[in-house]
Amino acid sequence: MTDSALQSKVHAATRDDDSDGMSYLESLPRRLVTLYLPLFIILVVLLFPFYWMALTSIKPDEQLIDMDKFNPFWVVHPTFKHISKLLFETQYPRWLWNTMYVAVGATTLSIIASVLAAYAIVRLRFKGADTVGILIFFAYLVPPSILFIPLASVIQAYGLFDSPLSLILVYPTLLIPFSTWLLMGYFKTIPYELEECALIDGASRWQILVKIVVPLAIPGLISAFIFSFTLCWNEFIYALTFLQSTPNKTVPVAIVNEFVDGDIYKWGSLMAGALVGSLPLVILYAFFVEHYVSAMTGAVKE
């Protein structure tokens, strides 16, 4: 028997021994405990709030009030009265438009500023760039409850109080720090040699940013956009402070103010508003979740 044949048999035997030794990891009881049970718990925790919102939004009023007579985790004779009232008897479509307008506007401004800031810190290599990057991230850690009072004074001075435009100008104070930090990590994964070649060919920094860096950083930009859009969509403190009239409110503030009267909660319409308001974010994550995860992974690695 040749040496090569003998070595092949030894390797095959070793593989068989390894597979037999690890076979207990593939047993059904072990998979149930280590894989399926944790996945089931995670799914229940994540999906139960949506199930509860959907269930409450289609329950008749008597089933919402009398928990002893009716099963709270199921519905008998579902109704769409609450959803119909939300969409056709309130200004919910206007609130939804205000929320979309504010989220898109503030996110666009934040992404533009974050791209410029992140590229300058990572690529221009000026003295103290690392310190600036750290300070920008620390700015994200400042609680909004500290900033909304001075910002309210500024908004009042410029005559933007009770206007959605005020939120478009204020939200970037929350969005730019984290988006800049995220894009800094992603820009570092782009080979610098590409920019050096472009500089040798006579390209300007602006051309390099627009034609090389930004196209390669699309997953990072999508990730930053999703984060910023989600934060704008769900933000409550600034929207509650700067918007007073009902037609100008955003969804998170409007459904609380309009469907809660003292200690009386209109749970059907309240949950219907929360459910419908969450659908745009669900759609957004469903289409771009892979880009979001890849960009977050790239940023963390750096």
Protein backbone atom coordinates (compact mmCIF):
# COMPACT_ATOMS: atom_id res chain seq x y z
CA MET A 1 0.00 0.00 0.00
CA THR A 2 1.41 3.39 -0.96
CA ASP A 3 1.97 6.20 1.55
CA SER A 4 -0.66 8.39 -0.08
CA ALA A 5 -3.31 5.68 0.17
CA LEU A 6 -2.40 5.02 3.80
CA GLN A 7 -2.66 8.72 4.64
CA SER A 8 -6.05 8.90 2.94
CA LYS A 9 -7.35 6.03 5.06
CA VAL A 10 -6.01 7.64 8.23
CA HIS A 11 -7.71 10.96 7.40
CA ALA A 12 -10.97 9.18 6.60
CA ALA A 13 -10.86 7.29 9.89
CA THR A 14 -10.15 10.50 11.75
CA ARG A 15 -13.12 12.21 10.15
CA ASP A 16 -15.37 9.29 11.04
CA ASP A 17 -14.20 9.39 14.64
CA ASP A 18 -14.78 13.14 14.84
CA SER A 19 -18.27 12.83 13.37
CA ASP A 20 -19.13 10.03 15.80
CA GLY A 21 -17.74 11.98 18.73
CA MET A 22 -19.79 15.08 17.86
CA SER A 23 -22.96 13.23 16.97
CA TYR A 24 -24.47 13.85 20.39
CA LEU A 25 -24.64 17.55 19.50
CA GLU A 26 -27.06 16.69 16.70
CA SER A 27 -29.48 14.73 18.85
CA LEU A 28 -33.07 15.92 18.93
CA PRO A 29 -33.27 16.55 22.73
CA ARG A 30 -30.16 18.69 22.60
CA ARG A 31 -31.49 20.71 19.66
CA LEU A 32 -34.74 21.24 21.50
CA VAL A 33 -32.92 22.69 24.52
CA THR A 34 -30.13 24.64 22.81
CA LEU A 35 -31.85 25.80 19.62
CA TYR A 36 -35.62 25.50 19.35
CA LEU A 37 -36.55 26.50 22.89
CA PRO A 38 -34.47 29.75 22.88
CA LEU A 39 -35.78 30.59 19.41
CA PHE A 40 -39.35 30.04 20.55
CA ILE A 41 -38.88 32.27 23.61
CA ILE A 42 -37.30 35.02 21.50
CA LEU A 43 -40.11 34.86 18.94
CA VAL A 44 -42.77 35.06 21.64
CA VAL A 45 -41.10 38.04 23.31
CA LEU A 46 -40.63 39.89 20.02
CA LEU A 47 -43.96 39.12 18.37
CA PHE A 48 -46.32 39.22 21.34
CA PRO A 49 -46.57 43.06 21.42
CA PHE A 50 -47.65 43.08 17.76
CA TYR A 51 -50.13 40.28 18.42
CA TRP A 52 -51.57 42.18 21.38
CA MET A 53 -51.89 45.40 19.37
CA ALA A 54 -53.60 43.60 16.50
CA LEU A 55 -55.88 41.70 18.88
CA THR A 56 -56.90 44.83 20.80
CA SER A 57 -57.52 46.84 17.63
CA ILE A 58 -60.17 44.36 16.39
CA LYS A 59 -61.86 43.63 19.71
CA PRO A 60 -65.36 45.03 20.38
CA ASP A 61 -65.61 47.44 23.30
CA GLU A 62 -67.40 44.97 25.57
CA GLN A 63 -64.57 42.45 25.19
CA LEU A 64 -62.01 45.11 26.03
CA ILE A 65 -63.84 46.06 29.22
CA ASP A 66 -65.02 42.71 30.59
CA MET A 67 -61.86 40.61 31.00
CA ASP A 68 -63.60 38.10 33.30
CA LYS A 69 -66.24 37.10 30.79
CA PHE A 70 -64.06 37.14 27.66
CA ASN A 71 -60.65 35.60 27.07
CA PRO A 72 -58.12 38.47 26.96
CA PHE A 73 -55.82 36.52 24.62
CA TRP A 74 -58.44 35.86 21.94
CA VAL A 75 -61.26 37.70 20.24
CA VAL A 76 -64.84 36.65 19.55
CA HIS A 77 -66.71 38.45 16.74
CA PRO A 78 -63.87 40.75 15.61
CA THR A 79 -64.69 44.23 14.39
CA PHE A 80 -62.87 46.84 12.32
CA LYS A 81 -64.72 49.72 13.97
CA HIS A 82 -61.63 51.03 15.75
CA ILE A 83 -59.52 51.01 12.60
CA SER A 84 -62.31 52.66 10.60
CA LYS A 85 -62.72 55.34 13.26
CA LEU A 86 -58.97 55.91 13.31
CA LEU A 87 -58.64 56.38 9.55
CA PHE A 88 -61.88 58.18 8.69
CA GLU A 89 -63.04 60.00 11.84
CA THR A 90 -59.71 61.44 13.03
CA GLN A 91 -56.80 63.24 11.41
CA TYR A 92 -54.65 60.12 11.48
CA PRO A 93 -53.71 60.29 7.76
CA ARG A 94 -52.48 63.86 8.37
CA TRP A 95 -50.49 62.72 11.43
CA LEU A 96 -49.00 59.90 9.38
CA TRP A 97 -47.97 62.37 6.69
CA ASN A 98 -46.43 64.70 9.27
CA THR A 99 -44.42 61.83 10.72
CA MET A 100 -43.19 60.73 7.28
CA TYR A 101 -42.34 64.31 6.30
CA VAL A 102 -40.35 64.93 9.47
CA ALA A 103 -38.59 61.54 9.39
CA VAL A 104 -37.52 61.79 5.74
CA GLY A 105 -36.44 65.43 6.03
CA ALA A 106 -34.45 65.03 9.25
CA THR A 107 -32.89 61.75 8.09
CA THR A 108 -31.79 63.24 4.77
CA LEU A 109 -30.14 66.22 6.46
CA SER A 110 -28.47 63.95 9.01
CA ILE A 111 -27.09 61.51 6.43
CA ILE A 112 -25.60 64.31 4.32
CA ALA A 113 -23.92 65.89 7.35
CA SER A 114 -22.76 62.51 8.69
CA VAL A 115 -21.18 61.47 5.38
CA LEU A 116 -19.17 64.69 5.21
CA ALA A 117 -18.14 64.50 8.86
CA ALA A 118 -17.22 60.80 8.78
CA TYR A 119 -15.18 61.14 5.59
CA ALA A 120 -13.30 64.15 6.93
CA ILE A 121 -12.44 62.40 10.21
CA VAL A 122 -11.41 59.07 8.64
CA ARG A 123 -9.67 60.14 5.43
CA LEU A 124 -8.33 63.67 5.80
CA ARG A 125 -6.20 62.59 8.79
CA PHE A 126 -5.99 65.97 10.48
CA LYS A 127 -4.52 66.34 13.94
CA GLY A 128 -6.97 65.28 16.64
CA ALA A 129 -9.29 63.43 14.25
CA ASP A 130 -9.62 60.43 16.57
CA THR A 131 -10.49 62.71 19.48
CA VAL A 132 -13.13 64.47 17.41
CA GLY A 133 -14.67 61.12 16.50
CA ILE A 134 -14.87 60.07 20.14
CA LEU A 135 -16.39 63.41 21.17
CA ILE A 136 -19.00 63.14 18.43
CA PHE A 137 -20.04 59.74 19.74
CA PHE A 138 -20.18 61.08 23.32
CA ALA A 139 -22.55 63.77 22.05
CA TYR A 140 -24.98 60.96 21.15
CA LEU A 141 -25.01 59.91 24.82
CA VAL A 142 -26.38 63.26 26.00
CA PRO A 143 -30.01 62.65 27.11
CA PRO A 144 -32.68 64.49 25.08
CA SER A 145 -34.32 65.53 28.36
CA ILE A 146 -31.36 67.85 28.95
CA LEU A 147 -31.47 69.46 25.51
CA PHE A 148 -35.16 70.00 24.82
CA ILE A 149 -35.51 73.08 27.09
CA PRO A 150 -32.71 75.16 25.47
CA LEU A 151 -33.74 73.91 22.04
CA ALA A 152 -37.31 74.99 22.76
CA SER A 153 -36.04 78.52 23.47
CA VAL A 154 -34.16 78.57 20.16
CA ILE A 155 -37.17 77.27 18.22
CA GLN A 156 -39.41 79.88 19.86
CA ALA A 157 -36.94 82.67 19.03
CA TYR A 158 -36.92 81.72 15.34
CA GLY A 159 -40.70 81.48 15.13
CA LEU A 160 -40.77 77.77 14.32
CA PHE A 161 -42.81 76.67 17.32
CA ASP A 162 -45.74 74.35 16.46
CA SER A 163 -44.27 73.57 13.04
CA PRO A 164 -43.03 70.20 11.74
CA LEU A 165 -40.04 72.10 10.35
CA SER A 166 -38.83 72.60 13.91
CA LEU A 167 -38.47 68.83 14.34
CA ILE A 168 -36.58 68.53 11.03
CA LEU A 169 -34.02 71.01 12.36
CA VAL A 170 -33.86 69.56 15.87
CA TYR A 171 -33.71 65.81 15.21
CA PRO A 172 -30.25 65.96 13.58
CA THR A 173 -28.83 66.78 17.02
CA LEU A 174 -29.75 63.19 17.91
CA LEU A 175 -29.06 61.54 14.57
CA ILE A 176 -25.76 63.01 13.36
CA PRO A 177 -23.51 61.76 16.22
CA PHE A 178 -24.43 58.09 15.94
CA SER A 179 -24.69 58.13 12.13
CA THR A 180 -21.24 59.74 11.91
CA TRP A 181 -19.75 57.10 14.22
CA LEU A 182 -21.41 54.32 12.22
CA LEU A 183 -20.18 55.64 8.87
CA MET A 184 -16.68 56.19 10.24
CA GLY A 185 -16.44 52.48 10.94
CA TYR A 186 -17.74 51.62 7.49
CA PHE A 187 -15.48 54.07 5.65
CA LYS A 188 -12.46 52.46 7.33
CA THR A 189 -13.29 49.17 5.59
CA ILE A 190 -12.94 50.81 2.15
CA PRO A 191 -9.33 50.37 0.87
CA TYR A 192 -7.47 53.64 0.90
CA GLU A 193 -5.52 52.55 -2.19
CA LEU A 194 -8.60 53.26 -4.30
CA GLU A 195 -8.49 56.90 -3.25
CA GLU A 196 -4.74 57.12 -3.77
CA CYS A 197 -5.17 55.90 -7.35
CA ALA A 198 -7.89 58.47 -7.92
CA LEU A 199 -5.69 61.24 -6.50
CA ILE A 200 -2.87 60.23 -8.85
CA ASP A 201 -5.31 60.43 -11.77
CA GLY A 202 -6.20 63.98 -10.75
CA ALA A 203 -9.51 63.47 -8.98
CA SER A 204 -10.52 65.94 -6.28
CA ARG A 205 -11.60 64.96 -2.80
CA TRP A 206 -15.20 65.75 -3.70
CA GLN A 207 -15.05 63.49 -6.77
CA ILE A 208 -13.51 60.70 -4.69
CA LEU A 209 -16.25 61.01 -2.10
CA VAL A 210 -19.11 61.10 -4.59
CA LYS A 211 -17.87 58.61 -7.19
CA ILE A 212 -15.88 56.11 -5.11
CA VAL A 213 -16.55 56.23 -1.38
CA VAL A 214 -20.32 56.80 -1.36
CA PRO A 215 -21.14 54.05 -3.93
CA LEU A 216 -19.02 51.55 -2.00
CA ALA A 217 -20.61 52.61 1.30
CA ILE A 218 -24.23 52.06 0.22
CA PRO A 219 -24.86 49.34 2.87
CA GLY A 220 -23.52 51.68 5.56
CA LEU A 221 -25.68 54.52 4.28
CA ILE A 222 -28.74 52.27 4.29
CA SER A 223 -27.96 51.24 7.86
CA ALA A 224 -27.56 54.85 8.99
CA PHE A 225 -30.77 55.79 7.16
CA ILE A 226 -32.76 53.01 8.84
CA PHE A 227 -31.45 53.94 12.28
CA SER A 228 -32.15 57.65 11.79
CA PHE A 229 -35.56 57.08 10.24
CA THR A 230 -36.61 54.76 13.06
CA LEU A 231 -35.50 57.21 15.73
CA CYS A 232 -37.37 60.07 14.05
CA TRP A 233 -40.49 57.97 13.61
CA ASN A 234 -40.68 56.94 17.27
CA GLU A 235 -39.39 60.14 18.93
CA PHE A 236 -41.76 61.54 21.55
CA ILE A 237 -40.22 64.21 23.81
CA TYR A 238 -39.33 66.81 21.17
CA ALA A 239 -42.56 66.23 19.24
CA LEU A 240 -44.58 66.66 22.43
CA THR A 241 -42.73 69.88 23.32
CA PHE A 242 -42.59 71.64 19.96
CA LEU A 243 -45.97 70.70 18.46
CA GLN A 244 -49.22 71.88 20.04
CA SER A 245 -52.00 72.04 17.44
CA THR A 246 -53.66 68.75 16.54
CA PRO A 247 -53.16 68.90 12.71
CA ASN A 248 -49.38 69.35 13.11
CA LYS A 249 -48.73 66.47 15.49
CA THR A 250 -46.86 63.29 14.68
CA VAL A 251 -48.28 59.81 15.24
CA PRO A 252 -46.60 58.95 18.61
CA VAL A 253 -47.82 62.16 20.22
CA ALA A 254 -51.20 62.41 18.49
CA ILE A 255 -52.50 58.96 19.38
CA VAL A 256 -51.63 59.50 23.05
CA ASN A 257 -53.15 62.98 23.22
CA GLU A 258 -56.27 62.23 21.22
CA PHE A 259 -57.16 58.77 22.50
CA VAL A 260 -56.36 59.24 26.18
CA ASP A 261 -58.80 61.48 28.06
CA GLY A 262 -57.71 61.73 31.67
CA ASP A 263 -57.98 58.21 33.04
CA ILE A 264 -60.08 57.00 30.10
CA TYR A 265 -58.12 55.06 27.51
CA LYS A 266 -59.67 54.32 24.13
CA TRP A 267 -57.69 51.12 23.82
CA GLY A 268 -59.13 50.01 20.49
CA SER A 269 -58.24 53.16 18.58
CA LEU A 270 -55.00 53.56 20.56
CA MET A 271 -53.72 50.13 19.62
CA ALA A 272 -54.97 50.48 16.05
CA GLY A 273 -53.00 53.71 15.72
CA ALA A 274 -49.88 52.10 17.14
CA LEU A 275 -50.23 49.09 14.85
CA VAL A 276 -50.79 51.08 11.66
CA GLY A 277 -48.00 53.46 12.65
CA SER A 278 -45.52 50.60 12.99
CA LEU A 279 -46.19 49.14 9.54
CA PRO A 280 -43.87 51.52 7.60
CA LEU A 281 -40.96 50.55 9.86
CA VAL A 282 -41.75 46.85 9.47
CA ILE A 283 -41.73 47.23 5.68
CA LEU A 284 -38.48 49.21 5.81
CA TYR A 285 -36.69 46.60 7.91
CA ALA A 286 -38.08 43.74 5.82
CA PHE A 287 -36.45 45.09 2.65
CA PHE A 288 -33.14 46.35 4.04
CA VAL A 289 -32.37 44.23 7.12
CA GLU A 290 -29.42 42.49 5.41
CA HIS A 291 -27.74 45.82 4.62
CA TYR A 292 -28.42 46.99 8.16
CA VAL A 293 -26.76 43.94 9.73
CA SER A 294 -23.76 44.00 7.39
CA ALA A 295 -23.10 47.68 8.03
CA MET A 296 -23.40 47.27 11.81
CA THR A 297 -20.97 44.33 11.66
CA GLY A 298 -18.47 46.33 9.64
CA ALA A 299 -18.67 49.25 12.03
CA VAL A 300 -18.21 47.08 15.10
CA LYS A 301 -15.18 45.34 13.62
CA GLU A 302 -13.42 48.66 13.28
